[in-house]
Amino acid sequence: MIIRSLVSTDFTAAAALWESAGLTRPWNSPSDDLQRALEGPTSTILGGFDHQTLLGTVMTGHDGHRGWGTKTPTFAC
């Protein structure tokens, strides 16, 4: 597994992962939350990748209202 900060090209996969985990809300765009967290001076979002597949995320810092940690349902921690 490779762990690295997410970049804008990872947003679709991260949003899909968060959606599958039940973490998104209709009034908060996951893309906006990702962007806000990545642009913040004290936050980032780390992703765990198996080759090009995003397996999980961890938000460090603050996106404006919460922090999330998620993993794919098929990935055992």
N, C-alpha and C. Protein backbone atom coordinates (compact mmCIF):
# COMPACT_ATOMS: atom_id res chain seq x y z
N MET A 1 0.85 -1.17 0.00
CA MET A 1 0.00 0.00 0.00
C MET A 1 0.89 1.23 0.00
N ILE A 2 0.48 2.19 -0.78
CA ILE A 2 1.15 3.49 -0.81
C ILE A 2 0.22 4.51 -0.17
N ILE A 3 0.75 5.31 0.74
CA ILE A 3 -0.02 6.36 1.39
C ILE A 3 0.53 7.69 0.93
N ARG A 4 -0.37 8.55 0.44
CA ARG A 4 0.04 9.87 -0.03
C ARG A 4 -1.13 10.84 0.11
N SER A 5 -0.81 12.11 0.03
CA SER A 5 -1.86 13.13 0.04
C SER A 5 -2.68 13.03 -1.24
N LEU A 6 -3.98 13.23 -1.10
CA LEU A 6 -4.83 13.24 -2.29
C LEU A 6 -4.56 14.49 -3.12
N VAL A 7 -4.81 14.37 -4.39
CA VAL A 7 -4.74 15.49 -5.33
C VAL A 7 -6.08 15.56 -6.05
N SER A 8 -6.28 16.61 -6.82
CA SER A 8 -7.60 16.83 -7.44
C SER A 8 -8.04 15.67 -8.32
N THR A 9 -7.12 14.94 -8.92
CA THR A 9 -7.52 13.81 -9.77
C THR A 9 -8.03 12.62 -8.94
N ASP A 10 -7.87 12.68 -7.63
CA ASP A 10 -8.39 11.62 -6.74
C ASP A 10 -9.79 11.93 -6.22
N PHE A 11 -10.32 13.11 -6.51
CA PHE A 11 -11.58 13.54 -5.91
C PHE A 11 -12.74 12.61 -6.24
N THR A 12 -12.84 12.15 -7.46
CA THR A 12 -13.96 11.29 -7.85
C THR A 12 -13.93 9.99 -7.06
N ALA A 13 -12.76 9.38 -6.95
CA ALA A 13 -12.64 8.12 -6.20
C ALA A 13 -12.91 8.35 -4.72
N ALA A 14 -12.42 9.45 -4.16
CA ALA A 14 -12.64 9.73 -2.74
C ALA A 14 -14.12 9.99 -2.47
N ALA A 15 -14.75 10.77 -3.34
CA ALA A 15 -16.18 11.05 -3.16
C ALA A 15 -17.00 9.76 -3.25
N ALA A 16 -16.65 8.87 -4.16
CA ALA A 16 -17.36 7.59 -4.29
C ALA A 16 -17.16 6.73 -3.04
N LEU A 17 -15.96 6.73 -2.51
CA LEU A 17 -15.67 5.99 -1.28
C LEU A 17 -16.48 6.55 -0.12
N TRP A 18 -16.49 7.86 0.02
CA TRP A 18 -17.26 8.49 1.10
C TRP A 18 -18.75 8.22 0.94
N GLU A 19 -19.23 8.26 -0.30
CA GLU A 19 -20.65 7.98 -0.57
C GLU A 19 -20.98 6.54 -0.17
N SER A 20 -20.12 5.60 -0.53
CA SER A 20 -20.39 4.20 -0.19
C SER A 20 -20.35 3.94 1.30
N ALA A 21 -19.62 4.78 2.03
CA ALA A 21 -19.54 4.65 3.49
C ALA A 21 -20.64 5.43 4.20
N GLY A 22 -21.49 6.13 3.44
CA GLY A 22 -22.58 6.88 4.04
C GLY A 22 -22.16 8.18 4.71
N LEU A 23 -21.03 8.74 4.26
CA LEU A 23 -20.50 9.94 4.91
C LEU A 23 -20.90 11.25 4.25
N THR A 24 -21.47 11.19 3.07
CA THR A 24 -21.82 12.43 2.38
C THR A 24 -23.22 12.89 2.77
N ARG A 25 -23.44 14.17 2.60
CA ARG A 25 -24.74 14.77 2.86
C ARG A 25 -25.12 15.62 1.66
N PRO A 26 -26.40 15.67 1.29
CA PRO A 26 -26.81 16.41 0.10
C PRO A 26 -26.43 17.89 0.14
N TRP A 27 -26.34 18.47 1.32
CA TRP A 27 -26.06 19.90 1.43
C TRP A 27 -24.55 20.21 1.47
N ASN A 28 -23.70 19.18 1.51
CA ASN A 28 -22.25 19.37 1.50
C ASN A 28 -21.64 18.61 0.34
N SER A 29 -21.11 19.33 -0.61
CA SER A 29 -20.46 18.70 -1.75
C SER A 29 -19.15 18.04 -1.31
N PRO A 30 -18.97 16.75 -1.56
CA PRO A 30 -17.70 16.11 -1.19
C PRO A 30 -16.51 16.77 -1.88
N SER A 31 -16.69 17.20 -3.12
CA SER A 31 -15.59 17.87 -3.83
C SER A 31 -15.21 19.17 -3.15
N ASP A 32 -16.22 19.93 -2.69
CA ASP A 32 -15.92 21.17 -1.96
C ASP A 32 -15.21 20.87 -0.65
N ASP A 33 -15.64 19.82 0.06
CA ASP A 33 -14.99 19.44 1.32
C ASP A 33 -13.54 19.02 1.07
N LEU A 34 -13.32 18.24 0.02
CA LEU A 34 -11.96 17.83 -0.33
C LEU A 34 -11.09 19.05 -0.64
N GLN A 35 -11.59 19.92 -1.47
CA GLN A 35 -10.83 21.11 -1.86
C GLN A 35 -10.51 21.98 -0.65
N ARG A 36 -11.50 22.19 0.21
CA ARG A 36 -11.31 23.02 1.40
C ARG A 36 -10.24 22.42 2.31
N ALA A 37 -10.29 21.12 2.49
CA ALA A 37 -9.31 20.47 3.36
C ALA A 37 -7.91 20.53 2.75
N LEU A 38 -7.81 20.34 1.44
CA LEU A 38 -6.49 20.35 0.80
C LEU A 38 -5.90 21.75 0.71
N GLU A 39 -6.75 22.76 0.65
CA GLU A 39 -6.26 24.13 0.58
C GLU A 39 -5.98 24.72 1.95
N GLY A 40 -6.47 24.09 3.00
CA GLY A 40 -6.28 24.61 4.35
C GLY A 40 -4.82 24.55 4.77
N PRO A 41 -4.38 25.55 5.51
CA PRO A 41 -2.97 25.58 5.93
C PRO A 41 -2.62 24.52 6.98
N THR A 42 -3.62 23.94 7.61
CA THR A 42 -3.34 22.97 8.68
C THR A 42 -4.04 21.63 8.44
N SER A 43 -4.35 21.32 7.19
CA SER A 43 -5.06 20.07 6.93
C SER A 43 -4.62 19.44 5.62
N THR A 44 -4.89 18.17 5.50
CA THR A 44 -4.73 17.44 4.24
C THR A 44 -5.58 16.18 4.33
N ILE A 45 -5.68 15.48 3.24
CA ILE A 45 -6.37 14.19 3.21
C ILE A 45 -5.38 13.18 2.65
N LEU A 46 -5.14 12.15 3.43
CA LEU A 46 -4.24 11.09 3.00
C LEU A 46 -5.07 9.95 2.41
N GLY A 47 -4.54 9.34 1.38
CA GLY A 47 -5.19 8.19 0.78
C GLY A 47 -4.27 6.99 0.79
N GLY A 48 -4.86 5.82 1.02
CA GLY A 48 -4.13 4.57 0.92
C GLY A 48 -4.48 3.94 -0.41
N PHE A 49 -3.46 3.64 -1.21
CA PHE A 49 -3.67 3.15 -2.57
C PHE A 49 -3.01 1.79 -2.77
N ASP A 50 -3.72 0.90 -3.47
CA ASP A 50 -3.16 -0.33 -3.99
C ASP A 50 -3.04 -0.10 -5.49
N HIS A 51 -1.85 0.18 -5.95
CA HIS A 51 -1.61 0.63 -7.32
C HIS A 51 -2.40 1.91 -7.52
N GLN A 52 -3.39 1.92 -8.38
CA GLN A 52 -4.18 3.13 -8.63
C GLN A 52 -5.53 3.13 -7.91
N THR A 53 -5.82 2.09 -7.13
CA THR A 53 -7.12 1.97 -6.47
C THR A 53 -7.06 2.58 -5.08
N LEU A 54 -7.95 3.54 -4.83
CA LEU A 54 -8.05 4.16 -3.52
C LEU A 54 -8.77 3.21 -2.57
N LEU A 55 -8.09 2.82 -1.50
CA LEU A 55 -8.66 1.87 -0.53
C LEU A 55 -9.22 2.56 0.70
N GLY A 56 -8.70 3.73 1.04
CA GLY A 56 -9.18 4.42 2.23
C GLY A 56 -8.65 5.83 2.29
N THR A 57 -9.26 6.64 3.15
CA THR A 57 -8.83 8.02 3.34
C THR A 57 -8.80 8.35 4.82
N VAL A 58 -7.96 9.31 5.14
CA VAL A 58 -7.92 9.87 6.49
C VAL A 58 -7.75 11.37 6.34
N MET A 59 -8.66 12.12 6.93
CA MET A 59 -8.54 13.57 6.91
C MET A 59 -7.78 14.01 8.15
N THR A 60 -6.75 14.79 7.94
CA THR A 60 -6.02 15.37 9.06
C THR A 60 -6.29 16.86 9.06
N GLY A 61 -6.50 17.40 10.21
CA GLY A 61 -6.83 18.82 10.29
C GLY A 61 -8.33 19.01 10.28
N HIS A 62 -8.81 19.85 9.36
CA HIS A 62 -10.19 20.32 9.43
C HIS A 62 -10.69 20.71 8.06
N ASP A 63 -11.89 20.29 7.69
CA ASP A 63 -12.48 20.70 6.41
C ASP A 63 -13.53 21.77 6.60
N GLY A 64 -13.69 22.27 7.79
CA GLY A 64 -14.69 23.27 8.08
C GLY A 64 -15.75 22.77 9.04
N HIS A 65 -15.94 21.44 9.13
CA HIS A 65 -16.97 20.94 10.03
C HIS A 65 -16.74 19.53 10.55
N ARG A 66 -15.83 18.75 10.03
CA ARG A 66 -15.66 17.38 10.55
C ARG A 66 -14.38 16.77 10.00
N GLY A 67 -14.02 15.63 10.54
CA GLY A 67 -12.94 14.82 10.00
C GLY A 67 -13.48 13.44 9.69
N TRP A 68 -12.98 12.82 8.64
CA TRP A 68 -13.47 11.52 8.23
C TRP A 68 -12.31 10.54 8.11
N GLY A 69 -12.58 9.31 8.43
CA GLY A 69 -11.68 8.20 8.12
C GLY A 69 -12.52 7.11 7.47
N THR A 70 -12.15 6.66 6.32
CA THR A 70 -12.96 5.65 5.61
C THR A 70 -12.06 4.61 4.99
N LYS A 71 -12.64 3.46 4.69
CA LYS A 71 -11.95 2.42 3.94
C LYS A 71 -12.95 1.71 3.06
N THR A 72 -12.46 1.03 2.04
CA THR A 72 -13.37 0.26 1.21
C THR A 72 -13.89 -0.92 2.01
N PRO A 73 -15.11 -1.35 1.77
CA PRO A 73 -15.67 -2.45 2.54
C PRO A 73 -14.89 -3.76 2.40
N THR A 74 -14.19 -3.94 1.29
CA THR A 74 -13.48 -5.19 1.06
C THR A 74 -12.04 -5.18 1.56
N PHE A 75 -11.57 -4.04 2.07
CA PHE A 75 -10.20 -3.93 2.56
C PHE A 75 -10.17 -4.14 4.05
N ALA A 76 -9.45 -5.13 4.49
CA ALA A 76 -9.34 -5.43 5.93
C ALA A 76 -8.21 -4.62 6.54
N CYS A 77 -8.51 -3.95 7.62
CA CYS A 77 -7.47 -3.16 8.31
C CYS A 77 -6.69 -4.05 9.26
